[in-house]
PDB file of N, CA and C in Angstrom:
ATOM      1  N   MET A   1       3.166  -6.949  21.057  1.00  0.00           N
ATOM      2  CA  MET A   1       3.139  -7.934  19.844  1.00  0.00           C
ATOM      3  C   MET A   1       4.331  -6.536  18.706  1.00  0.00           C
ATOM      4  N   LEU A   2       4.440  -7.843  18.219  1.00  0.00           N
ATOM      5  CA  LEU A   2       5.610  -7.150  16.553  1.00  0.00           C
ATOM      6  C   LEU A   2       4.728  -6.986  15.555  1.00  0.00           C
ATOM      7  N   TYR A   3       4.872  -5.652  14.809  1.00  0.00           N
ATOM      8  CA  TYR A   3       3.970  -4.892  14.037  1.00  0.00           C
ATOM      9  C   TYR A   3       5.247  -5.172  12.057  1.00  0.00           C
ATOM     10  N   ARG A   4       4.839  -6.219  11.107  1.00  0.00           N
ATOM     11  CA  ARG A   4       6.377  -6.609  10.790  1.00  0.00           C
ATOM     12  C   ARG A   4       5.886  -5.843   9.470  1.00  0.00           C
ATOM     13  N   ALA A   5       6.155  -5.672   8.419  1.00  0.00           N
ATOM     14  CA  ALA A   5       5.996  -5.543   6.673  1.00  0.00           C
ATOM     15  C   ALA A   5       7.693  -5.440   6.572  1.00  0.00           C
ATOM     16  N   PHE A   6       7.504  -5.929   5.153  1.00  0.00           N
ATOM     17  CA  PHE A   6       8.281  -6.143   3.872  1.00  0.00           C
ATOM     18  C   PHE A   6       8.369  -5.732   3.404  1.00  0.00           C
ATOM     19  N   ARG A   7       9.966  -4.900   2.867  1.00  0.00           N
ATOM     20  CA  ARG A   7      10.384  -4.845   1.671  1.00  0.00           C
ATOM     21  C   ARG A   7      10.551  -5.258   0.442  1.00  0.00           C
ATOM     22  N   ILE A   8      10.498  -5.374  -0.230  1.00  0.00           N
ATOM     23  CA  ILE A   8      11.051  -6.016  -1.199  1.00  0.00           C
ATOM     24  C   ILE A   8      12.454  -5.788  -2.001  1.00  0.00           C
ATOM     25  N   ASN A   9      12.463  -5.049  -2.753  1.00  0.00           N
ATOM     26  CA  ASN A   9      13.541  -4.395  -2.950  1.00  0.00           C
ATOM     27  C   ASN A   9      13.694  -2.639  -2.656  1.00  0.00           C
ATOM     28  N   GLU A  10      14.898  -2.664  -2.318  1.00  0.00           N
ATOM     29  CA  GLU A  10      15.592  -1.492  -1.790  1.00  0.00           C
ATOM     30  C   GLU A  10      14.935  -0.280  -2.684  1.00  0.00           C
ATOM     31  N   SER A  11      14.776  -0.013  -4.340  1.00  0.00           N
ATOM     32  CA  SER A  11      13.438   0.977  -4.292  1.00  0.00           C
ATOM     33  C   SER A  11      12.007   1.217  -4.346  1.00  0.00           C
ATOM     34  N   ASP A  12      11.930  -0.077  -3.707  1.00  0.00           N
ATOM     35  CA  ASP A  12      10.234   0.394  -3.677  1.00  0.00           C
ATOM     36  C   ASP A  12       9.923   1.337  -2.670  1.00  0.00           C
ATOM     37  N   ASN A  13       8.886   2.356  -2.399  1.00  0.00           N
ATOM     38  CA  ASN A  13       8.245   3.278  -1.686  1.00  0.00           C
ATOM     39  C   ASN A  13       7.211   2.335  -1.336  1.00  0.00           C
ATOM     40  N   VAL A  14       6.994   1.641  -0.858  1.00  0.00           N
ATOM     41  CA  VAL A  14       5.910   0.677   0.116  1.00  0.00           C
ATOM     42  C   VAL A  14       6.372  -0.638   0.085  1.00  0.00           C
ATOM     43  N   ALA A  15       5.994  -1.153   1.470  1.00  0.00           N
ATOM     44  CA  ALA A  15       5.953  -3.074   1.712  1.00  0.00           C
ATOM     45  C   ALA A  15       4.720  -3.635   2.096  1.00  0.00           C
ATOM     46  N   THR A  16       4.536  -4.712   2.163  1.00  0.00           N
ATOM     47  CA  THR A  16       3.824  -5.396   2.536  1.00  0.00           C
ATOM     48  C   THR A  16       3.378  -5.672   4.065  1.00  0.00           C
ATOM     49  N   ALA A  17       2.440  -5.655   4.345  1.00  0.00           N
ATOM     50  CA  ALA A  17       1.963  -5.463   5.890  1.00  0.00           C
ATOM     51  C   ALA A  17       2.219  -7.104   6.130  1.00  0.00           C
ATOM     52  N   LEU A  18       2.838  -7.640   6.853  1.00  0.00           N
ATOM     53  CA  LEU A  18       2.986  -9.526   6.847  1.00  0.00           C
ATOM     54  C   LEU A  18       1.911  -9.958   8.431  1.00  0.00           C
ATOM     55  N   THR A  19       1.889  -8.414   8.791  1.00  0.00           N
ATOM     56  CA  THR A  19       0.371  -8.794  10.359  1.00  0.00           C
ATOM     57  C   THR A  19      -0.490  -7.214   9.995  1.00  0.00           C
ATOM     58  N   GLU A  20      -1.396  -7.344  10.583  1.00  0.00           N
ATOM     59  CA  GLU A  20      -1.989  -5.924  10.987  1.00  0.00           C
ATOM     60  C   GLU A  20      -1.161  -5.634  11.717  1.00  0.00           C
ATOM     61  N   ILE A  21      -1.596  -4.065  10.799  1.00  0.00           N
ATOM     62  CA  ILE A  21      -0.845  -3.061  12.119  1.00  0.00           C
ATOM     63  C   ILE A  21      -2.035  -1.930  12.110  1.00  0.00           C
ATOM     64  N   PRO A  22      -2.487  -1.217  13.341  1.00  0.00           N
ATOM     65  CA  PRO A  22      -2.767  -1.387  13.470  1.00  0.00           C
ATOM     66  C   PRO A  22      -2.427   1.004  13.542  1.00  0.00           C
ATOM     67  N   LYS A  23      -3.626   1.355  13.161  1.00  0.00           N
ATOM     68  CA  LYS A  23      -2.867   2.572  13.032  1.00  0.00           C
ATOM     69  C   LYS A  23      -2.500   3.779  14.452  1.00  0.00           C
ATOM     70  N   GLY A  24      -0.876   4.172  14.559  1.00  0.00           N
ATOM     71  CA  GLY A  24      -0.862   4.686  15.441  1.00  0.00           C
ATOM     72  C   GLY A  24       0.297   3.562  16.146  1.00  0.00           C
ATOM     73  N   MET A  25       0.734   2.239  15.764  1.00  0.00           N
ATOM     74  CA  MET A  25       1.215   1.331  16.049  1.00  0.00           C
ATOM     75  C   MET A  25       3.177   1.807  15.350  1.00  0.00           C
ATOM     76  N   TRP A  26       4.164   1.324  15.871  1.00  0.00           N
ATOM     77  CA  TRP A  26       5.011   1.536  14.520  1.00  0.00           C
ATOM     78  C   TRP A  26       4.740   0.063  14.512  1.00  0.00           C
ATOM     79  N   CYS A  27       5.841   0.159  13.174  1.00  0.00           N
ATOM     80  CA  CYS A  27       6.492  -1.535  12.915  1.00  0.00           C
ATOM     81  C   CYS A  27       7.416  -1.921  12.610  1.00  0.00           C
ATOM     82  N   GLU A  28       7.767  -2.817  12.422  1.00  0.00           N
ATOM     83  CA  GLU A  28       9.350  -2.855  11.667  1.00  0.00           C
ATOM     84  C   GLU A  28       9.430  -2.984   9.954  1.00  0.00           C
ATOM     85  N   ILE A  29      10.152  -2.448   9.413  1.00  0.00           N
ATOM     86  CA  ILE A  29      10.027  -2.742   7.775  1.00  0.00           C
ATOM     87  C   ILE A  29      11.697  -3.350   7.960  1.00  0.00           C
ATOM     88  N   ILE A  30      11.782  -4.792   7.635  1.00  0.00           N
ATOM     89  CA  ILE A  30      12.122  -6.083   7.263  1.00  0.00           C
ATOM     90  C   ILE A  30      12.112  -6.093   5.614  1.00  0.00           C
ATOM     91  N   GLY A  31      13.621  -6.848   5.272  1.00  0.00           N
ATOM     92  CA  GLY A  31      14.128  -6.367   4.006  1.00  0.00           C
ATOM     93  C   GLY A  31      14.973  -5.557   3.409  1.00  0.00           C
ATOM     94  N   GLU A  32      14.590  -5.307   2.433  1.00  0.00           N
ATOM     95  CA  GLU A  32      15.907  -4.202   1.518  1.00  0.00           C
ATOM     96  C   GLU A  32      15.626  -2.468   1.818  1.00  0.00           C
ATOM     97  N   GLY A  33      16.494  -2.143   1.625  1.00  0.00           N
ATOM     98  CA  GLY A  33      16.279  -0.745   2.436  1.00  0.00           C
ATOM     99  C   GLY A  33      16.774  -0.185   3.462  1.00  0.00           C
ATOM    100  N   GLU A  34      16.970   1.104   3.274  1.00  0.00           N
ATOM    101  CA  GLU A  34      17.075   1.738   4.399  1.00  0.00           C
ATOM    102  C   GLU A  34      16.328   2.058   5.965  1.00  0.00           C
ATOM    103  N   LEU A  35      14.966   2.197   5.946  1.00  0.00           N
ATOM    104  CA  LEU A  35      14.189   2.915   6.770  1.00  0.00           C
ATOM    105  C   LEU A  35      13.615   1.040   7.077  1.00  0.00           C
ATOM    106  N   ARG A  36      13.442   0.849   8.784  1.00  0.00           N
ATOM    107  CA  ARG A  36      13.557   0.181   9.581  1.00  0.00           C
ATOM    108  C   ARG A  36      12.618   0.007  10.794  1.00  0.00           C
ATOM    109  N   VAL A  37      12.048   1.647  10.859  1.00  0.00           N
ATOM    110  CA  VAL A  37      11.046   1.284  12.171  1.00  0.00           C
ATOM    111  C   VAL A  37      10.084   2.632  11.857  1.00  0.00           C
ATOM    112  N   MET A  38       8.624   2.850  11.424  1.00  0.00           N
ATOM    113  CA  MET A  38       7.853   3.754  10.897  1.00  0.00           C
ATOM    114  C   MET A  38       6.341   3.529  12.290  1.00  0.00           C
ATOM    115  N   GLU A  39       6.201   4.336  12.003  1.00  0.00           N
ATOM    116  CA  GLU A  39       4.100   4.471  12.186  1.00  0.00           C
ATOM    117  C   GLU A  39       3.590   4.794  11.204  1.00  0.00           C
ATOM    118  N   ALA A  40       2.280   3.452  11.887  1.00  0.00           N
ATOM    119  CA  ALA A  40       1.016   3.575  10.247  1.00  0.00           C
ATOM    120  C   ALA A  40       0.395   4.703  10.796  1.00  0.00           C
ATOM    121  N   VAL A  41      -0.041   5.535   9.976  1.00  0.00           N
ATOM    122  CA  VAL A  41      -1.308   7.163  10.441  1.00  0.00           C
ATOM    123  C   VAL A  41      -2.002   5.967  10.361  1.00  0.00           C
ATOM    124  N   GLU A  42      -2.872   5.003   9.816  1.00  0.00           N
ATOM    125  CA  GLU A  42      -4.267   4.734   9.796  1.00  0.00           C
ATOM    126  C   GLU A  42      -4.012   2.811   9.809  1.00  0.00           C
ATOM    127  N   ASP A  43      -5.178   2.266  10.016  1.00  0.00           N
ATOM    128  CA  ASP A  43      -4.568   0.652  10.102  1.00  0.00           C
ATOM    129  C   ASP A  43      -4.778  -0.079   8.713  1.00  0.00           C
ATOM    130  N   ILE A  44      -3.538  -0.982   9.042  1.00  0.00           N
ATOM    131  CA  ILE A  44      -2.755  -1.154   7.439  1.00  0.00           C
ATOM    132  C   ILE A  44      -3.175  -2.913   7.620  1.00  0.00           C
ATOM    133  N   PRO A  45      -4.358  -3.253   6.470  1.00  0.00           N
ATOM    134  CA  PRO A  45      -4.540  -5.204   6.966  1.00  0.00           C
ATOM    135  C   PRO A  45      -3.578  -5.381   6.548  1.00  0.00           C
ATOM    136  N   VAL A  46      -3.290  -6.809   7.025  1.00  0.00           N
ATOM    137  CA  VAL A  46      -2.419  -7.912   6.667  1.00  0.00           C
ATOM    138  C   VAL A  46      -2.163  -8.191   5.371  1.00  0.00           C
ATOM    139  N   GLY A  47      -1.234  -8.192   4.407  1.00  0.00           N
ATOM    140  CA  GLY A  47      -1.104  -8.557   3.081  1.00  0.00           C
ATOM    141  C   GLY A  47      -1.480  -7.174   2.322  1.00  0.00           C
ATOM    142  N   HIS A  48      -1.746  -5.830   2.913  1.00  0.00           N
ATOM    143  CA  HIS A  48      -2.005  -4.925   1.820  1.00  0.00           C
ATOM    144  C   HIS A  48      -0.507  -4.077   2.179  1.00  0.00           C
ATOM    145  N   LYS A  49      -0.583  -2.813   1.346  1.00  0.00           N
ATOM    146  CA  LYS A  49       0.733  -2.197   1.509  1.00  0.00           C
ATOM    147  C   LYS A  49       0.491  -1.065   2.195  1.00  0.00           C
ATOM    148  N   ILE A  50       2.037  -0.586   2.652  1.00  0.00           N
ATOM    149  CA  ILE A  50       1.949   0.642   3.606  1.00  0.00           C
ATOM    150  C   ILE A  50       3.405   1.320   2.898  1.00  0.00           C
ATOM    151  N   ALA A  51       3.012   2.823   2.883  1.00  0.00           N
ATOM    152  CA  ALA A  51       3.873   3.797   1.837  1.00  0.00           C
ATOM    153  C   ALA A  51       4.951   4.083   2.619  1.00  0.00           C
ATOM    154  N   LEU A  52       5.567   3.820   2.436  1.00  0.00           N
ATOM    155  CA  LEU A  52       7.543   3.369   3.366  1.00  0.00           C
ATOM    156  C   LEU A  52       8.094   5.447   3.111  1.00  0.00           C
ATOM    157  N   ARG A  53       7.404   6.830   2.530  1.00  0.00           N
ATOM    158  CA  ARG A  53       7.801   7.639   2.002  1.00  0.00           C
ATOM    159  C   ARG A  53       5.998   7.875   1.892  1.00  0.00           C
ATOM    160  N   ASP A  54       6.607   9.871   1.400  1.00  0.00           N
ATOM    161  CA  ASP A  54       5.468  10.477   0.856  1.00  0.00           C
ATOM    162  C   ASP A  54       5.082  10.072  -0.343  1.00  0.00           C
ATOM    163  N   ILE A  55       3.729  10.150  -1.292  1.00  0.00           N
ATOM    164  CA  ILE A  55       4.044   9.822  -2.393  1.00  0.00           C
ATOM    165  C   ILE A  55       2.719  10.863  -3.044  1.00  0.00           C
ATOM    166  N   LYS A  56       3.175  11.670  -4.269  1.00  0.00           N
ATOM    167  CA  LYS A  56       2.478  12.478  -5.079  1.00  0.00           C
ATOM    168  C   LYS A  56       1.366  12.068  -5.678  1.00  0.00           C
ATOM    169  N   LYS A  57       0.060  12.616  -5.863  1.00  0.00           N
ATOM    170  CA  LYS A  57      -0.981  12.249  -6.652  1.00  0.00           C
ATOM    171  C   LYS A  57      -0.569  11.866  -8.447  1.00  0.00           C
ATOM    172  N   ASP A  58      -0.009  10.930  -8.616  1.00  0.00           N
ATOM    173  CA  ASP A  58       0.562  10.801 -10.391  1.00  0.00           C
ATOM    174  C   ASP A  58       1.399  10.037 -10.094  1.00  0.00           C
ATOM    175  N   GLU A  59       2.242   9.726  -9.173  1.00  0.00           N
ATOM    176  CA  GLU A  59       3.607   9.544  -9.163  1.00  0.00           C
ATOM    177  C   GLU A  59       3.010   8.071  -8.601  1.00  0.00           C
ATOM    178  N   SER A  60       4.688   6.756  -9.497  1.00  0.00           N
ATOM    179  CA  SER A  60       4.507   5.392  -9.266  1.00  0.00           C
ATOM    180  C   SER A  60       4.590   5.261  -7.969  1.00  0.00           C
ATOM    181  N   ILE A  61       4.216   4.028  -7.612  1.00  0.00           N
ATOM    182  CA  ILE A  61       3.554   3.179  -6.959  1.00  0.00           C
ATOM    183  C   ILE A  61       4.925   2.360  -7.151  1.00  0.00           C
ATOM    184  N   LEU A  62       5.992   1.686  -6.522  1.00  0.00           N
ATOM    185  CA  LEU A  62       6.721   0.969  -6.438  1.00  0.00           C
ATOM    186  C   LEU A  62       6.930  -0.273  -5.530  1.00  0.00           C
ATOM    187  N   LYS A  63       7.266  -1.951  -5.992  1.00  0.00           N
ATOM    188  CA  LYS A  63       6.830  -2.969  -5.467  1.00  0.00           C
ATOM    189  C   LYS A  63       7.114  -3.582  -6.540  1.00  0.00           C
ATOM    190  N   TYR A  64       8.606  -4.652  -5.779  1.00  0.00           N
ATOM    191  CA  TYR A  64       9.030  -5.546  -6.777  1.00  0.00           C
ATOM    192  C   TYR A  64      10.326  -4.740  -7.406  1.00  0.00           C
ATOM    193  N   GLY A  65      10.708  -2.791  -7.201  1.00  0.00           N
ATOM    194  CA  GLY A  65      11.807  -2.892  -7.923  1.00  0.00           C
ATOM    195  C   GLY A  65      10.792  -2.319  -9.234  1.00  0.00           C
ATOM    196  N   VAL A  66       9.415  -2.871  -9.876  1.00  0.00           N
ATOM    197  CA  VAL A  66       8.937  -2.358 -10.704  1.00  0.00           C
ATOM    198  C   VAL A  66       8.203  -1.193 -10.212  1.00  0.00           C
ATOM    199  N   VAL A  67       7.110  -0.208 -11.174  1.00  0.00           N
ATOM    200  CA  VAL A  67       5.873   0.340 -11.418  1.00  0.00           C
ATOM    201  C   VAL A  67       4.604  -0.641 -11.408  1.00  0.00           C
ATOM    202  N   ILE A  68       4.060  -0.426  -9.936  1.00  0.00           N
ATOM    203  CA  ILE A  68       2.810  -1.067 -10.304  1.00  0.00           C
ATOM    204  C   ILE A  68       1.671  -0.201 -10.725  1.00  0.00           C
ATOM    205  N   GLY A  69       1.472   0.598 -10.735  1.00  0.00           N
ATOM    206  CA  GLY A  69       0.881   1.420 -10.720  1.00  0.00           C
ATOM    207  C   GLY A  69       0.612   2.853 -10.160  1.00  0.00           C
ATOM    208  N   ARG A  70      -0.465   3.899  -9.834  1.00  0.00           N
ATOM    209  CA  ARG A  70      -0.326   5.243  -9.983  1.00  0.00           C
ATOM    210  C   ARG A  70      -0.656   5.892  -8.342  1.00  0.00           C
ATOM    211  N   ALA A  71      -0.940   6.486  -8.500  1.00  0.00           N
ATOM    212  CA  ALA A  71      -1.742   7.661  -7.019  1.00  0.00           C
ATOM    213  C   ALA A  71      -2.457   8.331  -7.760  1.00  0.00           C
ATOM    214  N   THR A  72      -3.543   7.822  -7.302  1.00  0.00           N
ATOM    215  CA  THR A  72      -4.771   8.812  -7.301  1.00  0.00           C
ATOM    216  C   THR A  72      -4.599  10.056  -6.258  1.00  0.00           C
ATOM    217  N   ALA A  73      -3.851   9.591  -5.175  1.00  0.00           N
ATOM    218  CA  ALA A  73      -4.115  11.133  -4.791  1.00  0.00           C
ATOM    219  C   ALA A  73      -3.098  11.504  -3.544  1.00  0.00           C
ATOM    220  N   ASP A  74      -2.628  12.085  -3.105  1.00  0.00           N
ATOM    221  CA  ASP A  74      -1.273  12.295  -2.304  1.00  0.00           C
ATOM    222  C   ASP A  74      -1.314  11.332  -1.013  1.00  0.00           C
ATOM    223  N   ILE A  75       0.033  11.071  -0.882  1.00  0.00           N
ATOM    224  CA  ILE A  75      -0.439   9.638   0.013  1.00  0.00           C
ATOM    225  C   ILE A  75       0.775   9.928   1.091  1.00  0.00           C
ATOM    226  N   VAL A  76       0.472   9.854   2.527  1.00  0.00           N
ATOM    227  CA  VAL A  76       1.272  10.045   3.389  1.00  0.00           C
ATOM    228  C   VAL A  76       2.309   8.825   3.966  1.00  0.00           C
ATOM    229  N   LEU A  77       3.487   8.674   4.669  1.00  0.00           N
ATOM    230  CA  LEU A  77       3.828   8.223   5.465  1.00  0.00           C
ATOM    231  C   LEU A  77       3.240   7.337   6.116  1.00  0.00           C
ATOM    232  N   GLY A  78       3.836   5.806   5.771  1.00  0.00           N
ATOM    233  CA  GLY A  78       2.707   5.431   6.978  1.00  0.00           C
ATOM    234  C   GLY A  78       0.969   5.378   6.528  1.00  0.00           C
ATOM    235  N   SER A  79       0.727   5.505   5.236  1.00  0.00           N
ATOM    236  CA  SER A  79      -0.627   5.290   5.374  1.00  0.00           C
ATOM    237  C   SER A  79      -1.026   3.914   4.628  1.00  0.00           C
ATOM    238  N   TRP A  80      -2.543   3.553   4.650  1.00  0.00           N
ATOM    239  CA  TRP A  80      -2.622   2.073   4.132  1.00  0.00           C
ATOM    240  C   TRP A  80      -2.625   2.566   2.353  1.00  0.00           C
ATOM    241  N   ILE A  81      -2.529   1.877   1.721  1.00  0.00           N
ATOM    242  CA  ILE A  81      -1.998   1.974  -0.547  1.00  0.00           C
ATOM    243  C   ILE A  81      -2.590   0.700  -0.667  1.00  0.00           C
ATOM    244  N   HIS A  82      -4.315   1.144  -1.033  1.00  0.00           N
ATOM    245  CA  HIS A  82      -5.095   0.215  -1.671  1.00  0.00           C
ATOM    246  C   HIS A  82      -6.273   1.318  -3.095  1.00  0.00           C
ATOM    247  N   LEU A  83      -6.775   0.560  -2.828  1.00  0.00           N
ATOM    248  CA  LEU A  83      -7.521   0.826  -4.065  1.00  0.00           C
ATOM    249  C   LEU A  83      -8.433   1.912  -4.385  1.00  0.00           C
ATOM    250  N   HIS A  84      -8.370   2.100  -2.842  1.00  0.00           N
ATOM    251  CA  HIS A  84      -8.665   3.827  -2.491  1.00  0.00           C
ATOM    252  C   HIS A  84      -7.763   4.879  -2.816  1.00  0.00           C
ATOM    253  N   VAL A  85      -6.269   4.605  -3.258  1.00  0.00           N
ATOM    254  CA  VAL A  85      -5.157   5.416  -3.518  1.00  0.00           C
ATOM    255  C   VAL A  85      -4.739   5.870  -3.924  1.00  0.00           C
ATOM    256  N   MET A  86      -5.046   4.340  -4.973  1.00  0.00           N
ATOM    257  CA  MET A  86      -3.498   3.761  -6.450  1.00  0.00           C
ATOM    258  C   MET A  86      -5.164   3.430  -7.146  1.00  0.00           C
ATOM    259  N   ARG A  87      -4.412   3.310  -8.436  1.00  0.00           N
ATOM    260  CA  ARG A  87      -4.675   2.577  -9.257  1.00  0.00           C
ATOM    261  C   ARG A  87      -3.642   1.866 -10.021  1.00  0.00           C
ATOM    262  N   SER A  88      -3.745   0.868 -10.500  1.00  0.00           N
ATOM    263  CA  SER A  88      -2.589  -0.813 -11.092  1.00  0.00           C
ATOM    264  C   SER A  88      -2.621  -0.452 -12.275  1.00  0.00           C
ATOM    265  N   ASN A  89      -1.710  -0.322 -13.138  1.00  0.00           N
ATOM    266  CA  ASN A  89      -0.671  -0.626 -14.239  1.00  0.00           C
ATOM    267  C   ASN A  89      -1.695  -1.940 -14.347  1.00  0.00           C
ATOM    268  N   PHE A  90      -1.780  -3.607 -13.852  1.00  0.00           N
ATOM    269  CA  PHE A  90      -1.238  -4.736 -14.042  1.00  0.00           C
ATOM    270  C   PHE A  90      -3.653  -4.955 -13.801  1.00  0.00           C
ATOM    271  N   ASP A  91      -3.873  -3.863 -14.023  1.00  0.00           N
ATOM    272  CA  ASP A  91      -5.775  -4.431 -13.453  1.00  0.00           C
ATOM    273  C   ASP A  91      -6.725  -3.284 -13.760  1.00  0.00           C
ATOM    274  N   GLU A  92      -6.845  -3.109 -15.419  1.00  0.00           N
ATOM    275  CA  GLU A  92      -7.569  -2.177 -15.861  1.00  0.00           C
ATOM    276  C   GLU A  92      -9.627  -1.856 -14.965  1.00  0.00           C
ATOM    277  N   ARG A  93      -9.645  -3.252 -14.195  1.00  0.00           N
ATOM    278  CA  ARG A  93     -10.562  -2.427 -13.622  1.00  0.00           C
ATOM    279  C   ARG A  93     -10.431  -2.042 -12.616  1.00  0.00           C
ATOM    280  N   SER A  94      -9.341  -2.688 -11.576  1.00  0.00           N
ATOM    281  CA  SER A  94      -8.964  -1.603 -10.555  1.00  0.00           C
ATOM    282  C   SER A  94      -9.936  -0.433 -10.213  1.00  0.00           C
ATOM    283  N   SER A  95      -9.968   0.248 -10.997  1.00  0.00           N
ATOM    284  CA  SER A  95     -10.882   1.209 -10.939  1.00  0.00           C
ATOM    285  C   SER A  95     -12.100   1.738 -10.134  1.00  0.00           C
ATOM    286  N   HIS A  96     -12.729   0.353 -10.994  1.00  0.00           N
ATOM    287  CA  HIS A  96     -14.043   0.402 -10.518  1.00  0.00           C
ATOM    288  C   HIS A  96     -14.473  -1.056  -9.445  1.00  0.00           C
ATOM    289  N   LEU A  97     -13.272  -0.916  -8.585  1.00  0.00           N
ATOM    290  CA  LEU A  97     -13.581  -2.513  -7.835  1.00  0.00           C
ATOM    291  C   LEU A  97     -14.254  -1.449  -6.315  1.00  0.00           C
ATOM    292  N   ASP A  98     -14.021  -2.030  -5.141  1.00  0.00           N
ATOM    293  CA  ASP A  98     -15.046  -1.178  -3.937  1.00  0.00           C
ATOM    294  C   ASP A  98     -12.968  -1.620  -3.542  1.00  0.00           C
ATOM    295  N   ALA A  99     -12.632  -0.802  -2.722  1.00  0.00           N
ATOM    296  CA  ALA A  99     -11.495  -0.748  -1.942  1.00  0.00           C
ATOM    297  C   ALA A  99     -11.267  -1.498  -0.969  1.00  0.00           C
ATOM    298  N   VAL A 100     -12.422  -1.825   0.188  1.00  0.00           N
ATOM    299  CA  VAL A 100     -12.147  -2.633   0.754  1.00  0.00           C
ATOM    300  C   VAL A 100     -12.739  -4.182   0.518  1.00  0.00           C
ATOM    301  N   THR A 101     -13.900  -4.649  -0.500  1.00  0.00           N
ATOM    302  CA  THR A 101     -13.988  -6.044  -0.626  1.00  0.00           C
ATOM    303  C   THR A 101     -13.728  -6.281  -1.503  1.00  0.00           C
ATOM    304  N   GLY A 102     -13.502  -5.706  -2.559  1.00  0.00           N
ATOM    305  CA  GLY A 102     -12.919  -5.842  -3.950  1.00  0.00           C
ATOM    306  C   GLY A 102     -13.691  -5.915  -4.647  1.00  0.00           C
ATOM    307  N   ALA A 103     -15.031  -5.774  -4.686  1.00  0.00           N
ATOM    308  CA  ALA A 103     -16.369  -6.707  -5.477  1.00  0.00           C
ATOM    309  C   ALA A 103     -16.729  -5.413  -5.993  1.00  0.00           C
ATOM    310  N   PRO A 104     -17.075  -5.843  -7.439  1.00  0.00           N
ATOM    311  CA  PRO A 104     -17.260  -5.031  -8.649  1.00  0.00           C
ATOM    312  C   PRO A 104     -17.735  -3.911  -8.545  1.00  0.00           C
ATOM    313  N   ASN A 105     -17.983  -2.010  -8.587  1.00  0.00           N
ATOM    314  CA  ASN A 105     -19.220  -1.483  -8.852  1.00  0.00           C
ATOM    315  C   ASN A 105     -19.558  -0.947 -10.089  1.00  0.00           C
ATOM    316  N   ASP A 106     -19.016  -1.690 -11.548  1.00  0.00           N
ATOM    317  CA  ASP A 106     -19.468  -1.366 -12.527  1.00  0.00           C
ATOM    318  C   ASP A 106     -20.208  -2.639 -12.773  1.00  0.00           C
ATOM    319  N   ILE A 107     -20.787  -3.552 -11.883  1.00  0.00           N
ATOM    320  CA  ILE A 107     -21.553  -4.335 -12.410  1.00  0.00           C
ATOM    321  C   ILE A 107     -22.974  -4.465 -11.627  1.00  0.00           C
ATOM    322  N   ARG A 108     -24.182  -5.068 -11.722  1.00  0.00           N
ATOM    323  CA  ARG A 108     -25.615  -4.932 -11.474  1.00  0.00           C
ATOM    324  C   ARG A 108     -25.764  -5.998 -11.676  1.00  0.00           C
ATOM    325  N   TYR A 109     -25.761  -6.731 -10.005  1.00  0.00           N
ATOM    326  CA  TYR A 109     -26.286  -8.392  -9.686  1.00  0.00           C
ATOM    327  C   TYR A 109     -27.345  -8.077  -9.346  1.00  0.00           C
ATOM    328  N   GLU A 110     -28.535  -8.795  -9.981  1.00  0.00           N
ATOM    329  CA  GLU A 110     -30.004  -9.118  -9.610  1.00  0.00           C
ATOM    330  C   GLU A 110     -30.348 -10.347  -9.209  1.00  0.00           C
TER     331      GLU A 110
END
């Protein structure tokens, strides 16, 4: 199977997985920029972001050529980037959402 991710802008440090990319598999990066093939160091769900380079804690996450958030931990090349390692600039509640399900952790349902 061919695994792919799409970089929207050449300045982006993330790409969006067009297919699920299993840990240890190589994927083709299509779209803008120089990096064309890379290994996923963890499972990347379809539609989620993969790091195109090492990103330090507090560094900007760039997608669409704009800053969409900040890293909350050091991120290595090929890692899954989601709410467990970043905080969104557009959704103040993102730090209160479960990284896998997206369910709010700050609301109690009875």
